[in-house]
PDB file of all heavy atoms in Angstrom:
ATOM      1  N   MET A   1       8.807   6.871  20.199  1.00  0.00           N
ATOM      2  CA  MET A   1       8.450   6.904  18.783  1.00  0.00           C
ATOM      3  C   MET A   1       9.508   7.681  17.998  1.00  0.00           C
ATOM      4  O   MET A   1      10.018   8.710  18.463  1.00  0.00           O
ATOM      5  CB  MET A   1       7.091   7.587  18.623  1.00  0.00           C
ATOM      6  CG  MET A   1       6.484   7.466  17.259  1.00  0.00           C
ATOM      7  SD  MET A   1       5.666   5.892  17.043  1.00  0.00           S
ATOM      8  CE  MET A   1       4.648   6.267  15.608  1.00  0.00           C
ATOM      9  N   GLN A   2       9.845   7.186  16.829  1.00  0.00           N
ATOM     10  CA  GLN A   2      10.849   7.834  15.988  1.00  0.00           C
ATOM     11  C   GLN A   2      10.203   8.783  14.983  1.00  0.00           C
ATOM     12  O   GLN A   2       9.093   8.509  14.489  1.00  0.00           O
ATOM     13  CB  GLN A   2      11.647   6.777  15.222  1.00  0.00           C
ATOM     14  CG  GLN A   2      12.510   5.913  16.118  1.00  0.00           C
ATOM     15  CD  GLN A   2      13.644   6.710  16.723  1.00  0.00           C
ATOM     16  OE1 GLN A   2      14.592   7.072  16.056  1.00  0.00           O
ATOM     17  NE2 GLN A   2      13.547   7.002  18.016  1.00  0.00           N
ATOM     18  N   PRO A   3      10.868   9.895  14.647  1.00  0.00           N
ATOM     19  CA  PRO A   3      10.341  10.783  13.608  1.00  0.00           C
ATOM     20  C   PRO A   3      10.131  10.023  12.306  1.00  0.00           C
ATOM     21  O   PRO A   3      10.964   9.206  11.908  1.00  0.00           O
ATOM     22  CB  PRO A   3      11.443  11.842  13.457  1.00  0.00           C
ATOM     23  CG  PRO A   3      12.193  11.807  14.749  1.00  0.00           C
ATOM     24  CD  PRO A   3      12.138  10.388  15.215  1.00  0.00           C
ATOM     25  N   GLY A   4       9.021  10.275  11.653  1.00  0.00           N
ATOM     26  CA  GLY A   4       8.720   9.625  10.379  1.00  0.00           C
ATOM     27  C   GLY A   4       7.930   8.344  10.504  1.00  0.00           C
ATOM     28  O   GLY A   4       7.386   7.854   9.520  1.00  0.00           O
ATOM     29  N   ASP A   5       7.869   7.769  11.732  1.00  0.00           N
ATOM     30  CA  ASP A   5       7.106   6.538  11.941  1.00  0.00           C
ATOM     31  C   ASP A   5       5.618   6.848  12.105  1.00  0.00           C
ATOM     32  O   ASP A   5       5.230   7.958  12.456  1.00  0.00           O
ATOM     33  CB  ASP A   5       7.599   5.806  13.190  1.00  0.00           C
ATOM     34  CG  ASP A   5       8.757   4.857  12.886  1.00  0.00           C
ATOM     35  OD1 ASP A   5       9.081   4.697  11.696  1.00  0.00           O
ATOM     36  OD2 ASP A   5       9.323   4.291  13.829  1.00  0.00           O
ATOM     37  N   VAL A   6       4.788   5.829  11.877  1.00  0.00           N
ATOM     38  CA  VAL A   6       3.352   5.948  12.108  1.00  0.00           C
ATOM     39  C   VAL A   6       2.939   4.857  13.094  1.00  0.00           C
ATOM     40  O   VAL A   6       3.609   3.837  13.234  1.00  0.00           O
ATOM     41  CB  VAL A   6       2.548   5.824  10.797  1.00  0.00           C
ATOM     42  CG1 VAL A   6       2.880   6.976   9.861  1.00  0.00           C
ATOM     43  CG2 VAL A   6       2.803   4.491  10.109  1.00  0.00           C
ATOM     44  N   LEU A   7       1.821   5.077  13.773  1.00  0.00           N
ATOM     45  CA  LEU A   7       1.393   4.141  14.809  1.00  0.00           C
ATOM     46  C   LEU A   7       0.889   2.814  14.242  1.00  0.00           C
ATOM     47  O   LEU A   7       1.081   1.766  14.840  1.00  0.00           O
ATOM     48  CB  LEU A   7       0.299   4.775  15.673  1.00  0.00           C
ATOM     49  CG  LEU A   7       0.771   5.764  16.735  1.00  0.00           C
ATOM     50  CD1 LEU A   7      -0.417   6.456  17.375  1.00  0.00           C
ATOM     51  CD2 LEU A   7       1.605   5.038  17.798  1.00  0.00           C
ATOM     52  N   ALA A   8       0.229   2.868  13.095  1.00  0.00           N
ATOM     53  CA  ALA A   8      -0.369   1.636  12.577  1.00  0.00           C
ATOM     54  C   ALA A   8      -0.492   1.683  11.070  1.00  0.00           C
ATOM     55  O   ALA A   8      -0.630   2.762  10.463  1.00  0.00           O
ATOM     56  CB  ALA A   8      -1.750   1.421  13.200  1.00  0.00           C
ATOM     57  N   THR A   9      -0.420   0.504  10.459  1.00  0.00           N
ATOM     58  CA  THR A   9      -0.769   0.349   9.045  1.00  0.00           C
ATOM     59  C   THR A   9      -1.731  -0.824   8.926  1.00  0.00           C
ATOM     60  O   THR A   9      -1.609  -1.822   9.643  1.00  0.00           O
ATOM     61  CB  THR A   9       0.465   0.102   8.154  1.00  0.00           C
ATOM     62  OG1 THR A   9       1.080  -1.147   8.522  1.00  0.00           O
ATOM     63  CG2 THR A   9       1.473   1.221   8.283  1.00  0.00           C
ATOM     64  N   TYR A  10      -2.688  -0.688   8.035  1.00  0.00           N
ATOM     65  CA  TYR A  10      -3.746  -1.699   7.901  1.00  0.00           C
ATOM     66  C   TYR A  10      -4.346  -1.518   6.511  1.00  0.00           C
ATOM     67  O   TYR A  10      -4.967  -0.497   6.224  1.00  0.00           O
ATOM     68  CB  TYR A  10      -4.779  -1.501   9.003  1.00  0.00           C
ATOM     69  CG  TYR A  10      -5.971  -2.435   9.027  1.00  0.00           C
ATOM     70  CD1 TYR A  10      -6.077  -3.534   8.179  1.00  0.00           C
ATOM     71  CD2 TYR A  10      -7.013  -2.212   9.932  1.00  0.00           C
ATOM     72  CE1 TYR A  10      -7.169  -4.373   8.231  1.00  0.00           C
ATOM     73  CE2 TYR A  10      -8.114  -3.052   9.993  1.00  0.00           C
ATOM     74  CZ  TYR A  10      -8.192  -4.126   9.135  1.00  0.00           C
ATOM     75  OH  TYR A  10      -9.280  -4.949   9.180  1.00  0.00           O
ATOM     76  N   ALA A  11      -4.153  -2.507   5.649  1.00  0.00           N
ATOM     77  CA  ALA A  11      -4.525  -2.377   4.242  1.00  0.00           C
ATOM     78  C   ALA A  11      -5.940  -2.862   3.966  1.00  0.00           C
ATOM     79  O   ALA A  11      -6.294  -3.996   4.296  1.00  0.00           O
ATOM     80  CB  ALA A  11      -3.545  -3.165   3.371  1.00  0.00           C
ATOM     81  N   ASP A  12      -6.735  -2.015   3.349  1.00  0.00           N
ATOM     82  CA  ASP A  12      -7.981  -2.442   2.727  1.00  0.00           C
ATOM     83  C   ASP A  12      -7.616  -2.931   1.325  1.00  0.00           C
ATOM     84  O   ASP A  12      -7.190  -2.143   0.481  1.00  0.00           O
ATOM     85  CB  ASP A  12      -8.947  -1.256   2.656  1.00  0.00           C
ATOM     86  CG  ASP A  12     -10.257  -1.578   1.933  1.00  0.00           C
ATOM     87  OD1 ASP A  12     -10.314  -2.595   1.213  1.00  0.00           O
ATOM     88  OD2 ASP A  12     -11.205  -0.792   2.069  1.00  0.00           O
ATOM     89  N   VAL A  13      -7.746  -4.242   1.084  1.00  0.00           N
ATOM     90  CA  VAL A  13      -7.329  -4.820  -0.196  1.00  0.00           C
ATOM     91  C   VAL A  13      -8.527  -5.273  -1.026  1.00  0.00           C
ATOM     92  O   VAL A  13      -8.381  -6.066  -1.957  1.00  0.00           O
ATOM     93  CB  VAL A  13      -6.342  -5.994   0.008  1.00  0.00           C
ATOM     94  CG1 VAL A  13      -5.052  -5.502   0.640  1.00  0.00           C
ATOM     95  CG2 VAL A  13      -6.963  -7.115   0.840  1.00  0.00           C
ATOM     96  N   ASP A  14      -9.719  -4.765  -0.718  1.00  0.00           N
ATOM     97  CA  ASP A  14     -10.925  -5.227  -1.407  1.00  0.00           C
ATOM     98  C   ASP A  14     -10.836  -5.036  -2.923  1.00  0.00           C
ATOM     99  O   ASP A  14     -11.248  -5.902  -3.690  1.00  0.00           O
ATOM    100  CB  ASP A  14     -12.157  -4.496  -0.873  1.00  0.00           C
ATOM    101  CG  ASP A  14     -12.561  -4.980   0.515  1.00  0.00           C
ATOM    102  OD1 ASP A  14     -11.974  -5.982   0.978  1.00  0.00           O
ATOM    103  OD2 ASP A  14     -13.448  -4.357   1.131  1.00  0.00           O
ATOM    104  N   ASP A  15     -10.309  -3.892  -3.369  1.00  0.00           N
ATOM    105  CA  ASP A  15     -10.218  -3.641  -4.814  1.00  0.00           C
ATOM    106  C   ASP A  15      -9.320  -4.666  -5.493  1.00  0.00           C
ATOM    107  O   ASP A  15      -9.662  -5.201  -6.561  1.00  0.00           O
ATOM    108  CB  ASP A  15      -9.666  -2.241  -5.081  1.00  0.00           C
ATOM    109  CG  ASP A  15     -10.685  -1.144  -4.809  1.00  0.00           C
ATOM    110  OD1 ASP A  15     -11.770  -1.471  -4.293  1.00  0.00           O
ATOM    111  OD2 ASP A  15     -10.392   0.024  -5.099  1.00  0.00           O
ATOM    112  N   LEU A  16      -8.171  -4.945  -4.883  1.00  0.00           N
ATOM    113  CA  LEU A  16      -7.231  -5.892  -5.476  1.00  0.00           C
ATOM    114  C   LEU A  16      -7.815  -7.306  -5.476  1.00  0.00           C
ATOM    115  O   LEU A  16      -7.631  -8.067  -6.431  1.00  0.00           O
ATOM    116  CB  LEU A  16      -5.910  -5.852  -4.711  1.00  0.00           C
ATOM    117  CG  LEU A  16      -4.699  -6.498  -5.381  1.00  0.00           C
ATOM    118  CD1 LEU A  16      -4.408  -5.876  -6.737  1.00  0.00           C
ATOM    119  CD2 LEU A  16      -3.474  -6.398  -4.485  1.00  0.00           C
ATOM    120  N   THR A  17      -8.512  -7.658  -4.424  1.00  0.00           N
ATOM    121  CA  THR A  17      -9.158  -8.971  -4.355  1.00  0.00           C
ATOM    122  C   THR A  17     -10.232  -9.093  -5.430  1.00  0.00           C
ATOM    123  O   THR A  17     -10.306 -10.097  -6.154  1.00  0.00           O
ATOM    124  CB  THR A  17      -9.784  -9.182  -2.963  1.00  0.00           C
ATOM    125  OG1 THR A  17      -8.739  -9.158  -1.980  1.00  0.00           O
ATOM    126  CG2 THR A  17     -10.521 -10.505  -2.883  1.00  0.00           C
ATOM    127  N   ARG A  18     -11.048  -8.073  -5.553  1.00  0.00           N
ATOM    128  CA  ARG A  18     -12.144  -8.114  -6.524  1.00  0.00           C
ATOM    129  C   ARG A  18     -11.636  -8.111  -7.965  1.00  0.00           C
ATOM    130  O   ARG A  18     -12.151  -8.830  -8.822  1.00  0.00           O
ATOM    131  CB  ARG A  18     -13.070  -6.911  -6.299  1.00  0.00           C
ATOM    132  CG  ARG A  18     -14.270  -6.868  -7.232  1.00  0.00           C
ATOM    133  CD  ARG A  18     -15.177  -5.691  -6.929  1.00  0.00           C
ATOM    134  NE  ARG A  18     -14.502  -4.411  -7.112  1.00  0.00           N
ATOM    135  CZ  ARG A  18     -14.104  -3.632  -6.117  1.00  0.00           C
ATOM    136  NH1 ARG A  18     -14.284  -4.000  -4.857  1.00  0.00           N
ATOM    137  NH2 ARG A  18     -13.499  -2.481  -6.362  1.00  0.00           N
ATOM    138  N   GLU A  19     -10.597  -7.342  -8.254  1.00  0.00           N
ATOM    139  CA  GLU A  19     -10.207  -7.122  -9.647  1.00  0.00           C
ATOM    140  C   GLU A  19      -9.143  -8.085 -10.152  1.00  0.00           C
ATOM    141  O   GLU A  19      -9.079  -8.334 -11.361  1.00  0.00           O
ATOM    142  CB  GLU A  19      -9.770  -5.667  -9.822  1.00  0.00           C
ATOM    143  CG  GLU A  19     -10.939  -4.708  -9.599  1.00  0.00           C
ATOM    144  CD  GLU A  19     -10.564  -3.243  -9.724  1.00  0.00           C
ATOM    145  OE1 GLU A  19      -9.535  -2.946 -10.349  1.00  0.00           O
ATOM    146  OE2 GLU A  19     -11.316  -2.402  -9.188  1.00  0.00           O
ATOM    147  N   VAL A  20      -8.296  -8.622  -9.265  1.00  0.00           N
ATOM    148  CA  VAL A  20      -7.289  -9.578  -9.750  1.00  0.00           C
ATOM    149  C   VAL A  20      -7.266 -10.879  -8.951  1.00  0.00           C
ATOM    150  O   VAL A  20      -6.442 -11.755  -9.212  1.00  0.00           O
ATOM    151  CB  VAL A  20      -5.862  -8.965  -9.776  1.00  0.00           C
ATOM    152  CG1 VAL A  20      -5.839  -7.672 -10.562  1.00  0.00           C
ATOM    153  CG2 VAL A  20      -5.320  -8.752  -8.372  1.00  0.00           C
ATOM    154  N   GLY A  21      -8.160 -11.003  -7.958  1.00  0.00           N
ATOM    155  CA  GLY A  21      -8.212 -12.235  -7.177  1.00  0.00           C
ATOM    156  C   GLY A  21      -7.129 -12.367  -6.123  1.00  0.00           C
ATOM    157  O   GLY A  21      -6.823 -13.469  -5.674  1.00  0.00           O
ATOM    158  N   PHE A  22      -6.555 -11.235  -5.685  1.00  0.00           N
ATOM    159  CA  PHE A  22      -5.501 -11.283  -4.673  1.00  0.00           C
ATOM    160  C   PHE A  22      -6.048 -11.719  -3.327  1.00  0.00           C
ATOM    161  O   PHE A  22      -7.026 -11.151  -2.834  1.00  0.00           O
ATOM    162  CB  PHE A  22      -4.850  -9.906  -4.534  1.00  0.00           C
ATOM    163  CG  PHE A  22      -3.903  -9.789  -3.359  1.00  0.00           C
ATOM    164  CD1 PHE A  22      -2.634 -10.335  -3.429  1.00  0.00           C
ATOM    165  CD2 PHE A  22      -4.289  -9.142  -2.187  1.00  0.00           C
ATOM    166  CE1 PHE A  22      -1.756 -10.220  -2.355  1.00  0.00           C
ATOM    167  CE2 PHE A  22      -3.419  -9.023  -1.113  1.00  0.00           C
ATOM    168  CZ  PHE A  22      -2.151  -9.575  -1.205  1.00  0.00           C
ATOM    169  N   ARG A  23      -5.396 -12.729  -2.732  1.00  0.00           N
ATOM    170  CA  ARG A  23      -5.750 -13.172  -1.385  1.00  0.00           C
ATOM    171  C   ARG A  23      -4.483 -13.589  -0.653  1.00  0.00           C
ATOM    172  O   ARG A  23      -3.887 -14.616  -0.991  1.00  0.00           O
ATOM    173  CB  ARG A  23      -6.727 -14.355  -1.436  1.00  0.00           C
ATOM    174  CG  ARG A  23      -8.147 -13.968  -1.825  1.00  0.00           C
ATOM    175  CD  ARG A  23      -9.078 -15.170  -1.876  1.00  0.00           C
ATOM    176  NE  ARG A  23     -10.434 -14.753  -2.207  1.00  0.00           N
ATOM    177  CZ  ARG A  23     -10.866 -14.514  -3.445  1.00  0.00           C
ATOM    178  NH1 ARG A  23     -10.025 -14.654  -4.462  1.00  0.00           N
ATOM    179  NH2 ARG A  23     -12.111 -14.142  -3.670  1.00  0.00           N
ATOM    180  N   PRO A  24      -4.056 -12.818   0.348  1.00  0.00           N
ATOM    181  CA  PRO A  24      -2.873 -13.231   1.105  1.00  0.00           C
ATOM    182  C   PRO A  24      -3.129 -14.566   1.778  1.00  0.00           C
ATOM    183  O   PRO A  24      -4.199 -14.797   2.356  1.00  0.00           O
ATOM    184  CB  PRO A  24      -2.687 -12.105   2.124  1.00  0.00           C
ATOM    185  CG  PRO A  24      -4.014 -11.412   2.198  1.00  0.00           C
ATOM    186  CD  PRO A  24      -4.649 -11.570   0.858  1.00  0.00           C
ATOM    187  N   ALA A  25      -2.146 -15.474   1.687  1.00  0.00           N
ATOM    188  CA  ALA A  25      -2.382 -16.858   2.111  1.00  0.00           C
ATOM    189  C   ALA A  25      -1.406 -17.351   3.168  1.00  0.00           C
ATOM    190  O   ALA A  25      -1.504 -18.500   3.589  1.00  0.00           O
ATOM    191  CB  ALA A  25      -2.319 -17.779   0.888  1.00  0.00           C
ATOM    192  N   THR A  26      -0.472 -16.491   3.609  1.00  0.00           N
ATOM    193  CA  THR A  26       0.597 -16.961   4.496  1.00  0.00           C
ATOM    194  C   THR A  26       0.428 -16.390   5.899  1.00  0.00           C
ATOM    195  O   THR A  26       0.608 -15.189   6.109  1.00  0.00           O
ATOM    196  CB  THR A  26       1.974 -16.554   3.940  1.00  0.00           C
ATOM    197  OG1 THR A  26       2.064 -16.944   2.567  1.00  0.00           O
ATOM    198  CG2 THR A  26       3.088 -17.218   4.739  1.00  0.00           C
TER     199      THR A  26
END
């Protein structure tokens, strides 16, 4: 593991979906 790295990223996008209709499609 490198300094500054993190083990995982995982986005909760519920607010963006609810408020602007964002839905990743790819």
